[in-house]
PDB file of all heavy atoms in Angstrom:
ATOM      1  N   ILE A   1     -91.536  79.232  33.137  1.00  0.00           N
ATOM      2  CA  ILE A   1     -92.467  78.158  33.700  1.00  0.00           C
ATOM      3  C   ILE A   1     -93.393  78.763  34.803  1.00  0.00           C
ATOM      4  O   ILE A   1     -94.469  78.575  34.855  1.00  0.00           O
ATOM      5  CB  ILE A   1     -91.686  77.031  34.133  1.00  0.00           C
ATOM      6  CG1 ILE A   1     -90.957  76.307  33.000  1.00  0.00           C
ATOM      7  CG2 ILE A   1     -92.568  76.044  34.925  1.00  0.00           C
ATOM      8  CD1 ILE A   1     -91.878  75.699  31.920  1.00  0.00           C
ATOM      9  N   ASP A   2     -92.716  79.517  35.716  1.00  0.00           N
ATOM     10  CA  ASP A   2     -93.478  80.058  36.828  1.00  0.00           C
ATOM     11  C   ASP A   2     -94.520  80.977  36.376  1.00  0.00           C
ATOM     12  O   ASP A   2     -95.729  80.959  36.911  1.00  0.00           O
ATOM     13  CB  ASP A   2     -92.589  80.806  37.811  1.00  0.00           C
ATOM     14  CG  ASP A   2     -91.734  79.846  38.693  1.00  0.00           C
ATOM     15  OD1 ASP A   2     -91.994  78.644  38.711  1.00  0.00           O
ATOM     16  OD2 ASP A   2     -90.665  80.273  39.215  1.00  0.00           O
ATOM     17  N   GLU A   3     -94.319  81.866  35.366  1.00  0.00           N
ATOM     18  CA  GLU A   3     -95.309  82.855  34.925  1.00  0.00           C
ATOM     19  C   GLU A   3     -96.456  82.137  34.237  1.00  0.00           C
ATOM     20  O   GLU A   3     -97.668  82.513  34.385  1.00  0.00           O
ATOM     21  CB  GLU A   3     -94.673  83.799  33.941  1.00  0.00           C
ATOM     22  CG  GLU A   3     -93.666  84.721  34.663  1.00  0.00           C
ATOM     23  CD  GLU A   3     -94.348  85.611  35.790  1.00  0.00           C
ATOM     24  OE1 GLU A   3     -95.475  86.031  35.584  1.00  0.00           O
ATOM     25  OE2 GLU A   3     -93.710  85.739  36.876  1.00  0.00           O
ATOM     26  N   PHE A   4     -96.178  81.014  33.425  1.00  0.00           N
ATOM     27  CA  PHE A   4     -97.313  80.291  32.803  1.00  0.00           C
ATOM     28  C   PHE A   4     -98.068  79.522  33.834  1.00  0.00           C
ATOM     29  O   PHE A   4     -99.306  79.294  33.661  1.00  0.00           O
ATOM     30  CB  PHE A   4     -96.707  79.459  31.684  1.00  0.00           C
ATOM     31  CG  PHE A   4     -96.598  80.180  30.328  1.00  0.00           C
ATOM     32  CD1 PHE A   4     -95.458  80.879  30.039  1.00  0.00           C
ATOM     33  CD2 PHE A   4     -97.632  80.171  29.492  1.00  0.00           C
ATOM     34  CE1 PHE A   4     -95.319  81.559  28.860  1.00  0.00           C
ATOM     35  CE2 PHE A   4     -97.539  80.828  28.280  1.00  0.00           C
ATOM     36  CZ  PHE A   4     -96.353  81.587  28.015  1.00  0.00           C
ATOM     37  N   ARG A   5     -97.394  78.990  34.856  1.00  0.00           N
ATOM     38  CA  ARG A   5     -98.125  78.333  35.965  1.00  0.00           C
ATOM     39  C   ARG A   5     -99.130  79.313  36.612  1.00  0.00           C
ATOM     40  O   ARG A   5    -100.289  78.927  36.880  1.00  0.00           O
ATOM     41  CB  ARG A   5     -97.092  77.761  36.995  1.00  0.00           C
ATOM     42  CG  ARG A   5     -97.766  77.023  38.140  1.00  0.00           C
ATOM     43  CD  ARG A   5     -96.833  76.697  39.263  1.00  0.00           C
ATOM     44  NE  ARG A   5     -95.929  75.626  38.861  1.00  0.00           N
ATOM     45  CZ  ARG A   5     -94.660  75.755  38.646  1.00  0.00           C
ATOM     46  NH1 ARG A   5     -94.166  76.956  38.835  1.00  0.00           N
ATOM     47  NH2 ARG A   5     -93.925  74.723  38.310  1.00  0.00           N
ATOM     48  N   LYS A   6     -98.634  80.497  36.808  1.00  0.00           N
ATOM     49  CA  LYS A   6     -99.532  81.497  37.442  1.00  0.00           C
ATOM     50  C   LYS A   6    -100.764  81.793  36.542  1.00  0.00           C
ATOM     51  O   LYS A   6    -101.899  81.978  36.986  1.00  0.00           O
ATOM     52  CB  LYS A   6     -98.741  82.797  37.684  1.00  0.00           C
ATOM     53  CG  LYS A   6     -97.739  82.695  38.852  1.00  0.00           C
ATOM     54  CD  LYS A   6     -96.932  84.010  38.939  1.00  0.00           C
ATOM     55  CE  LYS A   6     -95.794  83.871  39.907  1.00  0.00           C
ATOM     56  NZ  LYS A   6     -94.991  85.099  39.913  1.00  0.00           N
ATOM     57  N   TRP A   7    -100.464  81.890  35.232  1.00  0.00           N
ATOM     58  CA  TRP A   7    -101.581  82.153  34.339  1.00  0.00           C
ATOM     59  C   TRP A   7    -102.566  81.028  34.338  1.00  0.00           C
ATOM     60  O   TRP A   7    -103.843  81.286  34.345  1.00  0.00           O
ATOM     61  CB  TRP A   7    -100.959  82.328  32.900  1.00  0.00           C
ATOM     62  CG  TRP A   7    -101.986  82.508  31.830  1.00  0.00           C
ATOM     63  CD1 TRP A   7    -102.560  83.782  31.427  1.00  0.00           C
ATOM     64  CD2 TRP A   7    -102.879  81.563  31.068  1.00  0.00           C
ATOM     65  NE1 TRP A   7    -103.558  83.593  30.555  1.00  0.00           N
ATOM     66  CE2 TRP A   7    -103.756  82.280  30.331  1.00  0.00           C
ATOM     67  CE3 TRP A   7    -102.790  80.168  31.111  1.00  0.00           C
ATOM     68  CZ2 TRP A   7    -104.658  81.606  29.453  1.00  0.00           C
ATOM     69  CZ3 TRP A   7    -103.763  79.554  30.299  1.00  0.00           C
ATOM     70  CH2 TRP A   7    -104.617  80.218  29.523  1.00  0.00           C
ATOM     71  N   PHE A   8    -102.116  79.777  34.371  1.00  0.00           N
ATOM     72  CA  PHE A   8    -102.993  78.610  34.391  1.00  0.00           C
ATOM     73  C   PHE A   8    -103.893  78.682  35.668  1.00  0.00           C
ATOM     74  O   PHE A   8    -105.108  78.445  35.534  1.00  0.00           O
ATOM     75  CB  PHE A   8    -102.112  77.381  34.364  1.00  0.00           C
ATOM     76  CG  PHE A   8    -102.947  76.098  34.248  1.00  0.00           C
ATOM     77  CD1 PHE A   8    -103.171  75.509  33.053  1.00  0.00           C
ATOM     78  CD2 PHE A   8    -103.439  75.469  35.405  1.00  0.00           C
ATOM     79  CE1 PHE A   8    -103.936  74.368  32.852  1.00  0.00           C
ATOM     80  CE2 PHE A   8    -104.207  74.260  35.264  1.00  0.00           C
ATOM     81  CZ  PHE A   8    -104.434  73.740  34.107  1.00  0.00           C
ATOM     82  N   THR A   9    -103.339  79.063  36.712  1.00  0.00           N
ATOM     83  CA  THR A   9    -103.965  79.055  38.039  1.00  0.00           C
ATOM     84  C   THR A   9    -104.989  80.155  38.144  1.00  0.00           C
ATOM     85  O   THR A   9    -106.120  80.057  38.591  1.00  0.00           O
ATOM     86  CB  THR A   9    -103.039  79.131  39.216  1.00  0.00           C
ATOM     87  OG1 THR A   9    -102.152  78.009  39.114  1.00  0.00           O
ATOM     88  CG2 THR A   9    -103.737  79.098  40.547  1.00  0.00           C
ATOM     89  N   LYS A  10    -104.488  81.451  37.669  1.00  0.00           N
ATOM     90  CA  LYS A  10    -105.378  82.553  37.922  1.00  0.00           C
ATOM     91  C   LYS A  10    -106.362  82.907  36.743  1.00  0.00           C
ATOM     92  O   LYS A  10    -107.332  83.538  37.036  1.00  0.00           O
ATOM     93  CB  LYS A  10    -104.420  83.856  38.112  1.00  0.00           C
ATOM     94  CG  LYS A  10    -103.525  83.698  39.323  1.00  0.00           C
ATOM     95  CD  LYS A  10    -102.685  84.958  39.424  1.00  0.00           C
ATOM     96  CE  LYS A  10    -101.832  84.887  40.673  1.00  0.00           C
ATOM     97  NZ  LYS A  10    -100.915  86.097  40.833  1.00  0.00           N
ATOM     98  N   HIS A  11    -106.029  82.561  35.535  1.00  0.00           N
ATOM     99  CA  HIS A  11    -106.771  83.163  34.424  1.00  0.00           C
ATOM    100  C   HIS A  11    -107.479  82.098  33.528  1.00  0.00           C
ATOM    101  O   HIS A  11    -108.419  82.409  32.779  1.00  0.00           O
ATOM    102  CB  HIS A  11    -105.850  83.952  33.473  1.00  0.00           C
ATOM    103  CG  HIS A  11    -105.203  85.114  34.288  1.00  0.00           C
ATOM    104  ND1 HIS A  11    -105.915  86.174  34.766  1.00  0.00           N
ATOM    105  CD2 HIS A  11    -103.843  85.342  34.536  1.00  0.00           C
ATOM    106  CE1 HIS A  11    -105.062  87.023  35.312  1.00  0.00           C
ATOM    107  NE2 HIS A  11    -103.839  86.502  35.228  1.00  0.00           N
ATOM    108  N   LEU A  12    -106.992  80.831  33.581  1.00  0.00           N
ATOM    109  CA  LEU A  12    -107.553  79.893  32.634  1.00  0.00           C
ATOM    110  C   LEU A  12    -109.032  79.653  32.779  1.00  0.00           C
ATOM    111  O   LEU A  12    -109.826  79.604  31.810  1.00  0.00           O
ATOM    112  CB  LEU A  12    -106.827  78.512  32.806  1.00  0.00           C
ATOM    113  CG  LEU A  12    -107.385  77.339  31.963  1.00  0.00           C
ATOM    114  CD1 LEU A  12    -107.315  77.779  30.438  1.00  0.00           C
ATOM    115  CD2 LEU A  12    -106.658  76.090  32.201  1.00  0.00           C
ATOM    116  N   LYS A  13    -109.573  79.554  33.993  1.00  0.00           N
ATOM    117  CA  LYS A  13    -110.976  79.291  34.289  1.00  0.00           C
ATOM    118  C   LYS A  13    -111.844  80.283  33.553  1.00  0.00           C
ATOM    119  O   LYS A  13    -112.911  79.904  33.007  1.00  0.00           O
ATOM    120  CB  LYS A  13    -111.280  79.212  35.779  1.00  0.00           C
ATOM    121  CG  LYS A  13    -112.643  78.594  36.088  1.00  0.00           C
ATOM    122  CD  LYS A  13    -112.842  78.460  37.546  1.00  0.00           C
ATOM    123  CE  LYS A  13    -114.117  77.869  37.845  1.00  0.00           C
ATOM    124  NZ  LYS A  13    -114.323  77.573  39.327  1.00  0.00           N
ATOM    125  N   ASN A  14    -111.482  81.591  33.558  1.00  0.00           N
ATOM    126  CA  ASN A  14    -112.272  82.575  32.903  1.00  0.00           C
ATOM    127  C   ASN A  14    -112.270  82.379  31.423  1.00  0.00           C
ATOM    128  O   ASN A  14    -113.315  82.591  30.791  1.00  0.00           O
ATOM    129  CB  ASN A  14    -111.760  83.976  33.219  1.00  0.00           C
ATOM    130  CG  ASN A  14    -111.980  84.460  34.655  1.00  0.00           C
ATOM    131  OD1 ASN A  14    -112.913  83.951  35.236  1.00  0.00           O
ATOM    132  ND2 ASN A  14    -111.158  85.327  35.159  1.00  0.00           N
ATOM    133  N   GLU A  15    -111.200  81.898  30.888  1.00  0.00           N
ATOM    134  CA  GLU A  15    -111.138  81.658  29.442  1.00  0.00           C
ATOM    135  C   GLU A  15    -112.111  80.478  29.039  1.00  0.00           C
ATOM    136  O   GLU A  15    -112.608  80.433  27.922  1.00  0.00           O
ATOM    137  CB  GLU A  15    -109.726  81.357  29.043  1.00  0.00           C
ATOM    138  CG  GLU A  15    -108.686  82.412  29.292  1.00  0.00           C
ATOM    139  CD  GLU A  15    -108.949  83.672  28.477  1.00  0.00           C
ATOM    140  OE1 GLU A  15    -109.668  83.662  27.429  1.00  0.00           O
ATOM    141  OE2 GLU A  15    -108.503  84.736  28.945  1.00  0.00           O
ATOM    142  N   LEU A  16    -112.249  79.524  29.943  1.00  0.00           N
ATOM    143  CA  LEU A  16    -113.108  78.333  29.649  1.00  0.00           C
ATOM    144  C   LEU A  16    -114.559  78.642  29.614  1.00  0.00           C
ATOM    145  O   LEU A  16    -115.357  77.824  29.164  1.00  0.00           O
ATOM    146  CB  LEU A  16    -112.781  77.241  30.658  1.00  0.00           C
ATOM    147  CG  LEU A  16    -111.296  76.720  30.725  1.00  0.00           C
ATOM    148  CD1 LEU A  16    -111.199  75.680  31.768  1.00  0.00           C
ATOM    149  CD2 LEU A  16    -110.980  76.159  29.363  1.00  0.00           C
ATOM    150  N   ARG A  17    -115.008  79.729  30.086  1.00  0.00           N
ATOM    151  CA  ARG A  17    -116.465  80.095  30.098  1.00  0.00           C
ATOM    152  C   ARG A  17    -116.914  80.311  28.679  1.00  0.00           C
ATOM    153  O   ARG A  17    -118.077  80.085  28.444  1.00  0.00           O
ATOM    154  CB  ARG A  17    -116.703  81.276  31.043  1.00  0.00           C
ATOM    155  CG  ARG A  17    -116.318  80.957  32.469  1.00  0.00           C
ATOM    156  CD  ARG A  17    -116.706  82.151  33.389  1.00  0.00           C
ATOM    157  NE  ARG A  17    -116.103  82.014  34.756  1.00  0.00           N
ATOM    158  CZ  ARG A  17    -116.509  81.193  35.648  1.00  0.00           C
ATOM    159  NH1 ARG A  17    -117.465  80.401  35.477  1.00  0.00           N
ATOM    160  NH2 ARG A  17    -115.827  81.182  36.782  1.00  0.00           N
ATOM    161  N   ASP A  18    -116.033  80.843  27.814  1.00  0.00           N
ATOM    162  CA  ASP A  18    -116.377  81.026  26.396  1.00  0.00           C
ATOM    163  C   ASP A  18    -115.119  80.900  25.617  1.00  0.00           C
ATOM    164  O   ASP A  18    -114.456  81.932  25.368  1.00  0.00           O
ATOM    165  CB  ASP A  18    -116.927  82.447  26.287  1.00  0.00           C
ATOM    166  CG  ASP A  18    -117.499  82.693  24.811  1.00  0.00           C
ATOM    167  OD1 ASP A  18    -117.626  81.753  24.043  1.00  0.00           O
ATOM    168  OD2 ASP A  18    -117.696  83.916  24.467  1.00  0.00           O
ATOM    169  N   VAL A  19    -114.814  79.737  25.303  1.00  0.00           N
ATOM    170  CA  VAL A  19    -113.440  79.357  24.750  1.00  0.00           C
ATOM    171  C   VAL A  19    -113.271  80.023  23.376  1.00  0.00           C
ATOM    172  O   VAL A  19    -114.135  79.762  22.490  1.00  0.00           O
ATOM    173  CB  VAL A  19    -113.194  77.892  24.698  1.00  0.00           C
ATOM    174  CG1 VAL A  19    -111.816  77.622  24.027  1.00  0.00           C
ATOM    175  CG2 VAL A  19    -113.282  77.246  26.152  1.00  0.00           C
ATOM    176  N   ASP A  20    -112.204  80.732  23.215  1.00  0.00           N
ATOM    177  CA  ASP A  20    -111.773  81.219  21.871  1.00  0.00           C
ATOM    178  C   ASP A  20    -110.286  81.069  21.838  1.00  0.00           C
ATOM    179  O   ASP A  20    -109.503  81.814  22.435  1.00  0.00           O
ATOM    180  CB  ASP A  20    -112.138  82.734  21.709  1.00  0.00           C
ATOM    181  CG  ASP A  20    -111.905  83.200  20.305  1.00  0.00           C
ATOM    182  OD1 ASP A  20    -110.927  82.693  19.653  1.00  0.00           O
ATOM    183  OD2 ASP A  20    -112.707  84.041  19.774  1.00  0.00           O
ATOM    184  N   MET A  21    -109.780  80.015  21.143  1.00  0.00           N
ATOM    185  CA  MET A  21    -108.313  79.787  21.170  1.00  0.00           C
ATOM    186  C   MET A  21    -107.548  80.917  20.583  1.00  0.00           C
ATOM    187  O   MET A  21    -106.374  81.071  20.894  1.00  0.00           O
ATOM    188  CB  MET A  21    -108.075  78.442  20.440  1.00  0.00           C
ATOM    189  CG  MET A  21    -108.745  77.290  21.036  1.00  0.00           C
ATOM    190  SD  MET A  21    -108.364  76.991  22.705  1.00  0.00           S
ATOM    191  CE  MET A  21    -106.903  76.014  22.599  1.00  0.00           C
ATOM    192  N   ARG A  22    -108.095  81.684  19.626  1.00  0.00           N
ATOM    193  CA  ARG A  22    -107.370  82.760  19.096  1.00  0.00           C
ATOM    194  C   ARG A  22    -107.125  83.851  20.149  1.00  0.00           C
ATOM    195  O   ARG A  22    -106.098  84.416  20.166  1.00  0.00           O
ATOM    196  CB  ARG A  22    -108.108  83.322  17.894  1.00  0.00           C
ATOM    197  CG  ARG A  22    -108.200  82.434  16.669  1.00  0.00           C
ATOM    198  CD  ARG A  22    -109.099  82.942  15.632  1.00  0.00           C
ATOM    199  NE  ARG A  22    -110.460  83.057  16.156  1.00  0.00           N
ATOM    200  CZ  ARG A  22    -111.472  83.582  15.400  1.00  0.00           C
ATOM    201  NH1 ARG A  22    -111.276  83.982  14.183  1.00  0.00           N
ATOM    202  NH2 ARG A  22    -112.690  83.597  15.922  1.00  0.00           N
ATOM    203  N   VAL A  23    -108.131  84.081  20.982  1.00  0.00           N
ATOM    204  CA  VAL A  23    -107.973  85.037  22.080  1.00  0.00           C
ATOM    205  C   VAL A  23    -106.868  84.523  23.084  1.00  0.00           C
ATOM    206  O   VAL A  23    -106.064  85.307  23.439  1.00  0.00           O
ATOM    207  CB  VAL A  23    -109.331  85.261  22.791  1.00  0.00           C
ATOM    208  CG1 VAL A  23    -109.094  86.069  24.077  1.00  0.00           C
ATOM    209  CG2 VAL A  23    -110.294  85.974  21.872  1.00  0.00           C
ATOM    210  N   ILE A  24    -106.952  83.250  23.397  1.00  0.00           N
ATOM    211  CA  ILE A  24    -105.914  82.685  24.286  1.00  0.00           C
ATOM    212  C   ILE A  24    -104.550  82.831  23.661  1.00  0.00           C
ATOM    213  O   ILE A  24    -103.605  83.174  24.322  1.00  0.00           O
ATOM    214  CB  ILE A  24    -106.254  81.218  24.675  1.00  0.00           C
ATOM    215  CG1 ILE A  24    -107.564  81.194  25.431  1.00  0.00           C
ATOM    216  CG2 ILE A  24    -105.075  80.665  25.410  1.00  0.00           C
ATOM    217  CD1 ILE A  24    -108.064  79.772  25.707  1.00  0.00           C
ATOM    218  N   GLY A  25    -104.535  82.623  22.373  1.00  0.00           N
ATOM    219  CA  GLY A  25    -103.238  82.683  21.670  1.00  0.00           C
ATOM    220  C   GLY A  25    -102.641  84.109  21.733  1.00  0.00           C
ATOM    221  O   GLY A  25    -101.480  84.350  21.986  1.00  0.00           O
ATOM    222  N   SER A  26    -103.519  85.118  21.630  1.00  0.00           N
ATOM    223  CA  SER A  26    -103.105  86.492  21.713  1.00  0.00           C
ATOM    224  C   SER A  26    -102.564  86.862  23.120  1.00  0.00           C
ATOM    225  O   SER A  26    -101.557  87.543  23.288  1.00  0.00           O
ATOM    226  CB  SER A  26    -104.295  87.474  21.361  1.00  0.00           C
ATOM    227  OG  SER A  26    -104.624  87.350  20.014  1.00  0.00           O
TER     228      SER A  26
END
């Protein structure tokens, strides 16, 4: 849970600039 919380805080915004769910899945 802690590691996914960190991912959400640190990395999600960059993924939202050009969303590709397959990339996020990888």
